[in-house]
C-alpha atoms as a PDB file:
ATOM      1  CA  UNK A   1     -15.895  10.821  34.158  1.00  0.00           C
ATOM      2  CA  UNK A   2     -16.399  12.734  30.928  1.00  0.00           C
ATOM      3  CA  UNK A   3     -19.086  11.661  28.508  1.00  0.00           C
ATOM      4  CA  UNK A   4     -20.538  13.093  25.313  1.00  0.00           C
ATOM      5  CA  UNK A   5     -24.129  12.716  24.181  1.00  0.00           C
ATOM      6  CA  UNK A   6     -25.580  13.198  20.716  1.00  0.00           C
ATOM      7  CA  UNK A   7     -29.354  13.536  20.336  1.00  0.00           C
ATOM      8  CA  UNK A   8     -31.085  12.278  17.186  1.00  0.00           C
ATOM      9  CA  UNK A   9     -32.494  14.895  14.844  1.00  0.00           C
ATOM     10  CA  UNK A  10     -35.470  12.693  13.929  1.00  0.00           C
ATOM     11  CA  UNK A  11     -36.379  11.304  17.374  1.00  0.00           C
ATOM     12  CA  UNK A  12     -35.215  13.352  20.366  1.00  0.00           C
ATOM     13  CA  UNK A  13     -35.529  10.339  22.687  1.00  0.00           C
ATOM     14  CA  UNK A  14     -32.838   8.502  20.658  1.00  0.00           C
ATOM     15  CA  UNK A  15     -29.323   9.315  21.804  1.00  0.00           C
ATOM     16  CA  UNK A  16     -25.846   7.906  21.638  1.00  0.00           C
ATOM     17  CA  UNK A  17     -23.437   8.390  24.523  1.00  0.00           C
ATOM     18  CA  UNK A  18     -19.646   8.173  24.306  1.00  0.00           C
ATOM     19  CA  UNK A  19     -17.751   7.411  27.514  1.00  0.00           C
ATOM     20  CA  UNK A  20     -14.282   6.482  28.675  1.00  0.00           C
ATOM     21  CA  UNK A  21     -14.415   2.701  28.913  1.00  0.00           C
ATOM     22  CA  UNK A  22     -10.971   2.304  30.503  1.00  0.00           C
ATOM     23  CA  UNK A  23      -8.895   1.133  27.563  1.00  0.00           C
ATOM     24  CA  UNK A  24     -11.561   1.836  24.945  1.00  0.00           C
ATOM     25  CA  UNK A  25     -14.075   4.480  23.967  1.00  0.00           C
ATOM     26  CA  UNK A  26     -17.484   3.025  24.811  1.00  0.00           C
ATOM     27  CA  UNK A  27     -20.500   4.001  22.689  1.00  0.00           C
ATOM     28  CA  UNK A  28     -23.951   3.372  24.143  1.00  0.00           C
ATOM     29  CA  UNK A  29     -27.186   3.961  22.205  1.00  0.00           C
ATOM     30  CA  UNK A  30     -30.283   4.778  24.231  1.00  0.00           C
ATOM     31  CA  UNK A  31     -32.672   1.913  24.957  1.00  0.00           C
ATOM     32  CA  UNK A  32     -34.540   0.814  21.859  1.00  0.00           C
ATOM     33  CA  UNK A  33     -32.380   2.985  19.632  1.00  0.00           C
ATOM     34  CA  UNK A  34     -30.781   1.389  16.597  1.00  0.00           C
ATOM     35  CA  UNK A  35     -29.651   4.555  14.806  1.00  0.00           C
ATOM     36  CA  UNK A  36     -29.085   8.228  15.502  1.00  0.00           C
ATOM     37  CA  UNK A  37     -29.314  10.884  12.772  1.00  0.00           C
ATOM     38  CA  UNK A  38     -27.151  13.937  13.401  1.00  0.00           C
ATOM     39  CA  UNK A  39     -26.941  17.164  11.444  1.00  0.00           C
ATOM     40  CA  UNK A  40     -23.340  17.784  10.262  1.00  0.00           C
ATOM     41  CA  UNK A  41     -22.617  20.393  12.956  1.00  0.00           C
ATOM     42  CA  UNK A  42     -23.745  18.091  15.772  1.00  0.00           C
ATOM     43  CA  UNK A  43     -21.877  15.164  14.214  1.00  0.00           C
ATOM     44  CA  UNK A  44     -18.648  17.188  14.225  1.00  0.00           C
ATOM     45  CA  UNK A  45     -19.133  18.194  17.860  1.00  0.00           C
ATOM     46  CA  UNK A  46     -19.796  14.568  18.829  1.00  0.00           C
ATOM     47  CA  UNK A  47     -16.788  13.364  16.797  1.00  0.00           C
ATOM     48  CA  UNK A  48     -14.540  15.902  18.553  1.00  0.00           C
ATOM     49  CA  UNK A  49     -15.817  14.557  21.867  1.00  0.00           C
ATOM     50  CA  UNK A  50     -14.948  11.001  20.823  1.00  0.00           C
ATOM     51  CA  UNK A  51     -11.458  12.156  19.795  1.00  0.00           C
ATOM     52  CA  UNK A  52     -11.050  13.887  23.178  1.00  0.00           C
ATOM     53  CA  UNK A  53     -12.008  10.646  24.940  1.00  0.00           C
ATOM     54  CA  UNK A  54      -9.525   8.688  22.821  1.00  0.00           C
ATOM     55  CA  UNK A  55      -6.809  11.205  23.714  1.00  0.00           C
ATOM     56  CA  UNK A  56      -7.793  10.911  27.387  1.00  0.00           C
ATOM     57  CA  UNK A  57      -7.382   7.135  27.185  1.00  0.00           C
ATOM     58  CA  UNK A  58      -4.115   6.817  25.237  1.00  0.00           C
ATOM     59  CA  UNK A  59      -2.503  10.231  25.469  1.00  0.00           C
ATOM     60  CA  UNK A  60      -3.284  11.301  21.917  1.00  0.00           C
ATOM     61  CA  UNK A  61      -2.086  10.409  18.493  1.00  0.00           C
ATOM     62  CA  UNK A  62       1.576   9.693  17.988  1.00  0.00           C
ATOM     63  CA  UNK A  63       3.667  12.070  15.938  1.00  0.00           C
ATOM     64  CA  UNK A  64       3.137  11.481  12.254  1.00  0.00           C
ATOM     65  CA  UNK A  65       5.654   8.950  11.075  1.00  0.00           C
ATOM     66  CA  UNK A  66       7.772   9.248   7.976  1.00  0.00           C
ATOM     67  CA  UNK A  67       6.181   8.084   4.764  1.00  0.00           C
ATOM     68  CA  UNK A  68       6.337   4.398   3.974  1.00  0.00           C
ATOM     69  CA  UNK A  69       9.653   3.795   2.246  1.00  0.00           C
ATOM     70  CA  UNK A  70       9.009   0.136   1.505  1.00  0.00           C
ATOM     71  CA  UNK A  71       9.066  -0.865  -2.171  1.00  0.00           C
ATOM     72  CA  UNK A  72       5.926  -0.530  -4.245  1.00  0.00           C
ATOM     73  CA  UNK A  73       4.743  -2.327  -7.387  1.00  0.00           C
ATOM     74  CA  UNK A  74       6.982  -1.328 -10.293  1.00  0.00           C
ATOM     75  CA  UNK A  75      10.040  -0.533  -8.126  1.00  0.00           C
ATOM     76  CA  UNK A  76      13.303  -2.133  -9.202  1.00  0.00           C
ATOM     77  CA  UNK A  77      15.363  -3.895  -6.554  1.00  0.00           C
ATOM     78  CA  UNK A  78      18.849  -5.396  -6.567  1.00  0.00           C
ATOM     79  CA  UNK A  79      19.245  -8.786  -4.893  1.00  0.00           C
ATOM     80  CA  UNK A  80      21.842  -8.752  -2.083  1.00  0.00           C
ATOM     81  CA  UNK A  81      21.831 -12.455  -1.128  1.00  0.00           C
ATOM     82  CA  UNK A  82      22.109 -15.594  -3.224  1.00  0.00           C
ATOM     83  CA  UNK A  83      18.908 -17.656  -3.561  1.00  0.00           C
ATOM     84  CA  UNK A  84      16.937 -16.103  -0.689  1.00  0.00           C
ATOM     85  CA  UNK A  85      14.007 -18.353   0.229  1.00  0.00           C
ATOM     86  CA  UNK A  86      15.066 -20.605  -2.653  1.00  0.00           C
ATOM     87  CA  UNK A  87      14.323 -17.894  -5.242  1.00  0.00           C
ATOM     88  CA  UNK A  88      16.107 -18.390  -8.576  1.00  0.00           C
ATOM     89  CA  UNK A  89      18.160 -15.193  -8.185  1.00  0.00           C
ATOM     90  CA  UNK A  90      21.674 -14.363  -7.038  1.00  0.00           C
ATOM     91  CA  UNK A  91      23.434 -11.318  -5.672  1.00  0.00           C
ATOM     92  CA  UNK A  92      23.412  -8.499  -8.204  1.00  0.00           C
ATOM     93  CA  UNK A  93      20.293  -9.582 -10.095  1.00  0.00           C
ATOM     94  CA  UNK A  94      17.725  -6.821 -10.576  1.00  0.00           C
ATOM     95  CA  UNK A  95      14.043  -7.638 -10.093  1.00  0.00           C
ATOM     96  CA  UNK A  96      10.873  -5.610 -10.594  1.00  0.00           C
ATOM     97  CA  UNK A  97       8.231  -5.692  -7.863  1.00  0.00           C
ATOM     98  CA  UNK A  98       4.906  -7.088  -9.116  1.00  0.00           C
ATOM     99  CA  UNK A  99       3.286  -7.394  -5.685  1.00  0.00           C
ATOM    100  CA  UNK A 100       3.857  -6.711  -2.009  1.00  0.00           C
ATOM    101  CA  UNK A 101       3.314  -8.953   0.983  1.00  0.00           C
ATOM    102  CA  UNK A 102       3.775  -6.758   4.032  1.00  0.00           C
ATOM    103  CA  UNK A 103       1.631  -8.991   6.239  1.00  0.00           C
ATOM    104  CA  UNK A 104       3.806 -12.075   5.673  1.00  0.00           C
ATOM    105  CA  UNK A 105       4.339 -14.414   8.619  1.00  0.00           C
ATOM    106  CA  UNK A 106       8.026 -13.866   9.179  1.00  0.00           C
ATOM    107  CA  UNK A 107       9.107 -10.721   7.323  1.00  0.00           C
ATOM    108  CA  UNK A 108       8.019  -8.010   4.912  1.00  0.00           C
ATOM    109  CA  UNK A 109       8.338  -9.421   1.398  1.00  0.00           C
ATOM    110  CA  UNK A 110       7.805  -8.449  -2.203  1.00  0.00           C
ATOM    111  CA  UNK A 111       6.842 -10.585  -5.161  1.00  0.00           C
ATOM    112  CA  UNK A 112       8.518 -10.719  -8.562  1.00  0.00           C
ATOM    113  CA  UNK A 113       8.451 -12.721 -11.777  1.00  0.00           C
ATOM    114  CA  UNK A 114      11.505 -14.586 -13.025  1.00  0.00           C
ATOM    115  CA  UNK A 115      12.106 -15.279 -16.695  1.00  0.00           C
ATOM    116  CA  UNK A 116       9.197 -16.917 -18.496  1.00  0.00           C
ATOM    117  CA  UNK A 117       7.920 -18.365 -15.226  1.00  0.00           C
ATOM    118  CA  UNK A 118       4.438 -17.075 -14.277  1.00  0.00           C
ATOM    119  CA  UNK A 119       5.095 -17.925 -10.618  1.00  0.00           C
ATOM    120  CA  UNK A 120       5.245 -14.855  -8.388  1.00  0.00           C
ATOM    121  CA  UNK A 121       8.355 -15.487  -6.303  1.00  0.00           C
ATOM    122  CA  UNK A 122       8.479 -14.125  -2.743  1.00  0.00           C
ATOM    123  CA  UNK A 123      11.654 -12.427  -1.547  1.00  0.00           C
ATOM    124  CA  UNK A 124      12.173 -10.763   1.860  1.00  0.00           C
ATOM    125  CA  UNK A 125      13.154  -7.096   1.985  1.00  0.00           C
ATOM    126  CA  UNK A 126      16.285  -8.118   3.904  1.00  0.00           C
ATOM    127  CA  UNK A 127      17.593  -9.703   0.685  1.00  0.00           C
ATOM    128  CA  UNK A 128      17.137  -6.687  -1.610  1.00  0.00           C
ATOM    129  CA  UNK A 129      17.987  -3.008  -1.932  1.00  0.00           C
ATOM    130  CA  UNK A 130      16.508  -0.246  -4.042  1.00  0.00           C
ATOM    131  CA  UNK A 131      18.184   0.291  -7.392  1.00  0.00           C
ATOM    132  CA  UNK A 132      19.288   3.833  -8.060  1.00  0.00           C
ATOM    133  CA  UNK A 133      17.428   5.452 -10.936  1.00  0.00           C
ATOM    134  CA  UNK A 134      19.194   3.811 -13.831  1.00  0.00           C
ATOM    135  CA  UNK A 135      17.589   2.496 -16.978  1.00  0.00           C
ATOM    136  CA  UNK A 136      17.075  -1.242 -17.188  1.00  0.00           C
ATOM    137  CA  UNK A 137      17.013  -1.333 -20.969  1.00  0.00           C
ATOM    138  CA  UNK A 138      19.304   0.448 -23.379  1.00  0.00           C
ATOM    139  CA  UNK A 139      18.225   4.011 -24.083  1.00  0.00           C
ATOM    140  CA  UNK A 140      18.706   5.940 -27.321  1.00  0.00           C
ATOM    141  CA  UNK A 141      21.188   8.229 -25.569  1.00  0.00           C
ATOM    142  CA  UNK A 142      23.632   5.476 -24.679  1.00  0.00           C
ATOM    143  CA  UNK A 143      23.431   3.309 -27.809  1.00  0.00           C
ATOM    144  CA  UNK A 144      23.029   3.804 -31.498  1.00  0.00           C
ATOM    145  CA  UNK A 145      19.534   2.318 -31.227  1.00  0.00           C
ATOM    146  CA  UNK A 146      16.686   4.322 -32.672  1.00  0.00           C
ATOM    147  CA  UNK A 147      13.881   5.659 -30.449  1.00  0.00           C
ATOM    148  CA  UNK A 148      11.544   3.141 -32.094  1.00  0.00           C
ATOM    149  CA  UNK A 149      13.704   0.175 -31.065  1.00  0.00           C
ATOM    150  CA  UNK A 150      13.970   1.586 -27.540  1.00  0.00           C
ATOM    151  CA  UNK A 151      10.171   1.764 -27.289  1.00  0.00           C
ATOM    152  CA  UNK A 152       9.933  -1.712 -28.762  1.00  0.00           C
ATOM    153  CA  UNK A 153      12.349  -3.036 -26.133  1.00  0.00           C
ATOM    154  CA  UNK A 154      10.220  -1.444 -23.398  1.00  0.00           C
ATOM    155  CA  UNK A 155       7.089  -3.052 -24.824  1.00  0.00           C
ATOM    156  CA  UNK A 156       8.864  -6.413 -25.019  1.00  0.00           C
ATOM    157  CA  UNK A 157       9.983  -6.032 -21.425  1.00  0.00           C
ATOM    158  CA  UNK A 158       6.415  -5.136 -20.377  1.00  0.00           C
ATOM    159  CA  UNK A 159       5.068  -8.135 -22.297  1.00  0.00           C
ATOM    160  CA  UNK A 160       7.539 -10.415 -20.525  1.00  0.00           C
ATOM    161  CA  UNK A 161       6.489  -9.045 -17.151  1.00  0.00           C
ATOM    162  CA  UNK A 162       2.796  -9.609 -17.948  1.00  0.00           C
ATOM    163  CA  UNK A 163       3.265 -13.125 -19.328  1.00  0.00           C
ATOM    164  CA  UNK A 164       0.748 -15.568 -17.896  1.00  0.00           C
ATOM    165  CA  UNK A 165      -1.796 -12.831 -17.113  1.00  0.00           C
ATOM    166  CA  UNK A 166      -4.758 -11.379 -18.936  1.00  0.00           C
ATOM    167  CA  UNK A 167      -3.829  -7.930 -20.201  1.00  0.00           C
ATOM    168  CA  UNK A 168      -4.749  -5.429 -22.855  1.00  0.00           C
ATOM    169  CA  UNK A 169      -2.585  -3.407 -25.205  1.00  0.00           C
ATOM    170  CA  UNK A 170      -3.306  -0.395 -23.004  1.00  0.00           C
ATOM    171  CA  UNK A 171      -1.919  -2.315 -19.988  1.00  0.00           C
ATOM    172  CA  UNK A 172       1.314  -3.026 -21.910  1.00  0.00           C
ATOM    173  CA  UNK A 173       1.656   0.579 -23.034  1.00  0.00           C
ATOM    174  CA  UNK A 174       1.073   1.857 -19.493  1.00  0.00           C
ATOM    175  CA  UNK A 175       3.685  -0.527 -18.087  1.00  0.00           C
ATOM    176  CA  UNK A 176       6.181   0.355 -20.842  1.00  0.00           C
ATOM    177  CA  UNK A 177       5.648   4.055 -20.106  1.00  0.00           C
ATOM    178  CA  UNK A 178       6.288   3.349 -16.424  1.00  0.00           C
ATOM    179  CA  UNK A 179       9.483   1.452 -17.245  1.00  0.00           C
ATOM    180  CA  UNK A 180      10.647   4.363 -19.395  1.00  0.00           C
ATOM    181  CA  UNK A 181      10.475   6.600 -16.342  1.00  0.00           C
END
């Protein structure tokens, strides 16, 4: 059985031993030892030994998976089912994610605000889809609105999203800038 030992820089009698514990990597300090101080080089060698033991136990790390494609705060989603989990939304409504709940009991969910309600509604990912990059509010390019009114509409939208929370003007401006893309 392979094991790796690291000897303390401050007290040579203090060691820590790493061994294959069957389904785990077992770490055993020497008797009476509560800490081991390693110089960086020795720490790296010991860490590589621990990684080798872990690979020995489970066959190594899995291939790196694709990046997490689940929605994040600020993402816009289109509802694909009427009133999922009794939410006050119907198919076609567009919501903005204000929180994520990926450890939910039954399914991955996101949270959103609805209207003037400060309640953070929970909706499962199975009831939404990502919205293609399209502006939520009118932009100066597609209306006769001035740039100032466009910015004002973004600030109003940000204010509505923050309703019921403590926020600063900087928070509103940051959110409006995010909404502008």
